[in-house]
Amino acid sequence: MFTDVDQPDGTGAAAAHKSSTRIDYFDKTGRLLFSSSVPASPGDGSLSFFGIKFDDARIASVRITAGDVAPGPNDDKQHDIVMMDDFIYGEPQVLR
């Protein structure tokens, strides 16, 4: 669960890198398995949700980019301060 994602989530490979908030999933060799922007939601303090499910234990690490500046007074049209809470994930398993 993310709050206050203001910047557009983008579409396509080039635009996706313009989003302020994204999640990247990697396998045990560091290969990127899946990457997606978190959808922007209009308004101050609004909520955004992102989830994905894999049918097997292939995720070894996750990188979350939340906003483009640290929390503080800079939340304006050029900056996006994003906060997170309530993570849900499967029980860790041994990767083979």
Protein backbone atom coordinates (compact mmCIF):
# COMPACT_ATOMS: atom_id res chain seq x y z
CA MET A 1 0.00 0.00 0.00
CA PHE A 2 1.38 3.38 -1.03
CA THR A 3 0.11 6.82 -0.14
CA ASP A 4 0.38 10.07 -2.09
CA VAL A 5 1.80 8.72 -5.39
CA ASP A 6 1.32 11.86 -7.50
CA GLN A 7 3.60 11.38 -10.49
CA PRO A 8 2.20 9.53 -13.54
CA ASP A 9 2.87 5.82 -13.70
CA GLY A 10 3.89 5.94 -17.37
CA THR A 11 3.34 3.44 -20.14
CA GLY A 12 5.91 1.58 -22.21
CA ALA A 13 9.59 1.11 -21.51
CA ALA A 14 10.67 4.75 -21.93
CA ALA A 15 7.84 6.30 -19.91
CA ALA A 16 8.12 3.76 -17.08
CA HIS A 17 11.43 5.26 -16.03
CA LYS A 18 9.70 8.63 -15.49
CA SER A 19 7.46 7.30 -12.72
CA SER A 20 8.39 8.18 -9.16
CA THR A 21 7.37 4.88 -7.59
CA ARG A 22 8.13 1.39 -8.89
CA ILE A 23 8.79 -2.20 -7.79
CA ASP A 24 11.44 -4.47 -9.34
CA TYR A 25 11.58 -8.24 -8.69
CA PHE A 26 14.84 -10.23 -9.12
CA ASP A 27 15.79 -13.90 -9.16
CA LYS A 28 18.72 -15.39 -7.21
CA THR A 29 21.20 -14.46 -9.97
CA GLY A 30 20.07 -10.82 -9.95
CA ARG A 31 18.16 -11.10 -13.22
CA LEU A 32 15.13 -8.81 -13.40
CA LEU A 33 11.95 -10.93 -13.43
CA PHE A 34 9.33 -8.21 -13.45
CA SER A 35 9.19 -4.45 -13.05
CA SER A 36 6.21 -2.13 -12.81
CA SER A 37 5.29 1.40 -11.86
CA VAL A 38 2.85 1.91 -9.01
CA PRO A 39 -0.24 3.70 -10.33
CA ALA A 40 -0.60 7.36 -9.43
CA SER A 41 -3.75 8.37 -7.60
CA PRO A 42 -5.04 11.95 -7.72
CA GLY A 43 -5.29 14.02 -4.56
CA ASP A 44 -3.23 14.55 -1.41
CA GLY A 45 -2.76 11.47 0.74
CA SER A 46 -4.63 9.19 -1.67
CA LEU A 47 -3.89 5.45 -1.72
CA SER A 48 -2.34 3.29 -4.47
CA PHE A 49 -1.97 -0.48 -4.45
CA PHE A 50 0.34 -2.75 -6.37
CA GLY A 51 0.50 -6.53 -6.20
CA ILE A 52 1.79 -9.46 -8.21
CA LYS A 53 1.71 -13.21 -7.65
CA PHE A 54 4.14 -15.81 -8.93
CA ASP A 55 3.14 -19.48 -8.83
CA ASP A 56 6.55 -20.64 -7.64
CA ALA A 57 9.39 -19.48 -5.38
CA ARG A 58 11.46 -17.51 -7.86
CA ILE A 59 11.81 -14.07 -6.23
CA ALA A 60 15.10 -13.64 -4.35
CA SER A 61 15.04 -9.86 -3.87
CA VAL A 62 12.82 -6.85 -4.40
CA ARG A 63 13.75 -3.21 -4.99
CA ILE A 64 11.14 -0.58 -4.14
CA THR A 65 11.56 3.00 -5.32
CA ALA A 66 9.16 5.16 -3.33
CA GLY A 67 8.94 8.72 -4.58
CA ASP A 68 11.77 10.87 -5.84
CA VAL A 69 12.69 12.86 -2.69
CA ALA A 70 12.98 12.08 1.02
CA PRO A 71 10.02 12.92 3.28
CA GLY A 72 9.87 16.62 4.06
CA PRO A 73 8.35 19.85 2.78
CA ASN A 74 9.24 19.29 -0.91
CA ASP A 75 5.97 17.62 -2.03
CA ASP A 76 5.08 19.79 -5.01
CA LYS A 77 4.54 19.40 -8.78
CA GLN A 78 8.25 18.67 -9.37
CA HIS A 79 8.75 16.29 -6.40
CA ASP A 80 6.83 13.25 -5.21
CA ILE A 81 7.03 12.14 -1.57
CA VAL A 82 5.58 8.64 -1.19
CA MET A 83 5.09 6.58 1.97
CA MET A 84 4.42 2.80 2.29
CA ASP A 85 2.70 0.46 4.74
CA ASP A 86 1.05 -2.97 4.95
CA PHE A 87 3.25 -5.40 3.02
CA ILE A 88 1.86 -8.86 2.30
CA TYR A 89 4.18 -11.61 1.09
CA GLY A 90 4.39 -15.39 1.02
CA GLU A 91 6.43 -17.39 3.48
CA PRO A 92 10.09 -17.40 2.36
CA GLN A 93 11.22 -20.66 0.75
CA VAL A 94 14.58 -22.11 -0.17
CA LEU A 95 15.44 -21.37 -3.80
CA ARG A 96 16.93 -24.27 -5.73
